[in-house]
Amino acid sequence: MGIDKITGQTHPAAQTEAKRVSLPPKPGTQRAGQDFARVLADKLAAAGESVRFSAHASKRLQERSIVLEDSDLKRLGAAMRQAAQKGARSSLLLYNDLALIANIGSKTIITAMKGDDLKEHVFTNIDSAVIIR
């Protein structure tokens, strides 16, 4: 309905045809040949391998002069993912001459030991062990 501003009378509005407009996709929002599920799976896999360290573990690594490279972190992340698939919650990760206790759910290393610290040591409050070669 329209209103005549001078007389104040109403009259039917002119019928207009609605046009559908499709906007071109924004750059970077489409990936050729990849669907959403695949992109999501790739992102989750990449994020799933990130390993965090608690303040205690960071302190232990520093005190014991333990240096972990990117390749080491990827292997630890893969081991933690494998433990998670088996239902583990808290694991002992044995890697080279290191023993790491990890919270699998949060992908966090809780503490780290090396070499002589491993002799006659009892690990408690773990539900699994992963040997990484």
Protein backbone atom coordinates (compact mmCIF):
# COMPACT_ATOMS: atom_id res chain seq x y z
CA MET A 1 0.00 0.00 0.00
CA GLY A 2 1.09 3.48 -0.77
CA ILE A 3 0.00 6.81 0.78
CA ASP A 4 -0.51 9.99 -1.22
CA LYS A 5 1.36 12.63 0.81
CA ILE A 6 -0.83 15.47 -0.41
CA THR A 7 -4.31 13.96 0.03
CA GLY A 8 -3.46 11.34 2.65
CA GLN A 9 -5.34 8.69 0.69
CA THR A 10 -4.06 5.16 0.35
CA HIS A 11 -3.74 3.36 -2.95
CA PRO A 12 -2.36 -0.02 -3.99
CA ALA A 13 1.39 -0.07 -4.45
CA ALA A 14 2.77 -0.95 -7.84
CA GLN A 15 3.66 -4.61 -8.18
CA THR A 16 7.36 -5.10 -8.74
CA GLU A 17 9.03 -8.33 -9.61
CA ALA A 18 11.69 -9.46 -7.17
CA LYS A 19 14.95 -10.36 -8.83
CA ARG A 20 17.22 -13.04 -7.48
CA VAL A 21 20.78 -11.91 -7.34
CA SER A 22 23.60 -14.34 -6.78
CA LEU A 23 26.81 -12.86 -5.54
CA PRO A 24 30.13 -14.25 -6.66
CA PRO A 25 31.95 -16.25 -3.96
CA LYS A 26 34.37 -14.35 -1.78
CA PRO A 27 38.01 -15.10 -2.51
CA GLY A 28 39.40 -17.83 -0.30
CA THR A 29 36.01 -19.29 0.66
CA GLN A 30 36.01 -22.00 -1.99
CA ARG A 31 38.60 -24.67 -2.55
CA ALA A 32 38.52 -26.34 -5.90
CA GLY A 33 37.61 -30.02 -5.61
CA GLN A 34 37.39 -30.09 -1.81
CA ASP A 35 34.20 -30.36 0.16
CA PHE A 36 33.64 -29.05 3.66
CA ALA A 37 34.00 -32.44 5.36
CA ARG A 38 37.44 -33.00 3.84
CA VAL A 39 38.69 -29.53 4.77
CA LEU A 40 37.37 -29.98 8.31
CA ALA A 41 39.04 -33.39 8.63
CA ASP A 42 42.36 -31.93 7.45
CA LYS A 43 42.18 -29.07 9.94
CA LEU A 44 41.26 -31.39 12.81
CA ALA A 45 44.11 -33.75 11.94
CA ALA A 46 46.58 -30.87 11.92
CA ALA A 47 45.25 -29.51 15.20
CA GLY A 48 45.12 -33.00 16.68
CA GLU A 49 48.87 -33.39 16.52
CA SER A 50 49.69 -30.29 18.54
CA VAL A 51 51.20 -31.18 21.89
CA ARG A 52 51.12 -28.87 24.90
CA PHE A 53 53.36 -28.86 27.95
CA SER A 54 52.32 -28.10 31.51
CA ALA A 55 54.38 -25.61 33.50
CA HIS A 56 55.83 -28.53 35.48
CA ALA A 57 56.82 -30.40 32.31
CA SER A 58 58.38 -27.28 30.79
CA LYS A 59 60.43 -26.82 33.96
CA ARG A 60 61.55 -30.47 33.91
CA LEU A 61 62.53 -30.29 30.23
CA GLN A 62 64.60 -27.20 30.92
CA GLU A 63 66.24 -28.62 34.09
CA ARG A 64 67.16 -31.84 32.32
CA SER A 65 68.33 -30.14 29.10
CA ILE A 66 65.78 -32.01 27.00
CA VAL A 67 65.23 -30.45 23.58
CA LEU A 68 62.37 -31.64 21.39
CA GLU A 69 62.35 -30.82 17.68
CA ASP A 70 59.24 -30.42 15.49
CA SER A 71 59.64 -34.00 14.26
CA ASP A 72 59.67 -35.21 17.88
CA LEU A 73 56.50 -33.26 18.66
CA LYS A 74 54.75 -34.75 15.62
CA ARG A 75 55.65 -38.27 16.75
CA LEU A 76 54.47 -37.56 20.28
CA GLY A 77 51.22 -36.12 18.91
CA ALA A 78 50.68 -39.20 16.75
CA ALA A 79 51.32 -41.46 19.75
CA MET A 80 48.84 -39.49 21.85
CA ARG A 81 46.23 -39.74 19.10
CA GLN A 82 46.81 -43.51 18.94
CA ALA A 83 46.40 -43.78 22.72
CA ALA A 84 43.18 -41.74 22.53
CA GLN A 85 41.79 -44.12 19.90
CA LYS A 86 42.34 -46.97 22.37
CA GLY A 87 40.51 -45.09 25.13
CA ALA A 88 43.54 -44.01 27.14
CA ARG A 89 43.30 -41.03 29.47
CA SER A 90 46.74 -40.83 31.10
CA SER A 91 49.71 -42.47 29.38
CA LEU A 92 53.37 -43.14 29.81
CA LEU A 93 55.09 -42.28 26.53
CA LEU A 94 58.48 -43.96 26.08
CA TYR A 95 60.44 -42.14 23.38
CA ASN A 96 64.17 -42.75 22.83
CA ASP A 97 65.66 -42.30 26.32
CA LEU A 98 62.72 -40.19 27.54
CA ALA A 99 59.72 -41.07 29.66
CA LEU A 100 56.85 -38.61 29.41
CA ILE A 101 53.57 -38.71 31.32
CA ALA A 102 50.73 -37.29 29.23
CA ASN A 103 47.11 -36.35 29.75
CA ILE A 104 45.65 -37.72 26.53
CA GLY A 105 42.38 -35.78 26.60
CA SER A 106 44.07 -32.39 26.68
CA LYS A 107 47.16 -33.53 24.71
CA THR A 108 49.34 -32.16 27.49
CA ILE A 109 52.68 -33.52 28.66
CA ILE A 110 52.57 -33.47 32.47
CA THR A 111 56.18 -34.39 33.28
CA ALA A 112 59.34 -35.63 31.59
CA MET A 113 62.26 -37.79 32.71
CA LYS A 114 65.47 -38.82 31.01
CA GLY A 115 68.24 -41.38 31.41
CA ASP A 116 69.28 -42.03 35.01
CA ASP A 117 66.03 -40.57 36.38
CA LEU A 118 64.25 -43.60 34.93
CA LYS A 119 66.11 -46.19 37.02
CA GLU A 120 64.00 -47.82 39.72
CA HIS A 121 61.14 -45.39 39.11
CA VAL A 122 57.52 -46.44 39.61
CA PHE A 123 54.93 -44.75 37.40
CA THR A 124 51.49 -44.41 38.97
CA ASN A 125 48.13 -43.00 37.90
CA ILE A 126 48.51 -44.07 34.28
CA ASP A 127 46.19 -46.33 32.33
CA SER A 128 48.40 -47.05 29.33
CA ALA A 129 51.92 -46.96 27.93
CA VAL A 130 52.97 -46.15 24.38
CA ILE A 131 56.38 -47.13 23.06
CA ILE A 132 57.42 -44.77 20.27
CA ARG A 133 60.08 -45.98 17.86
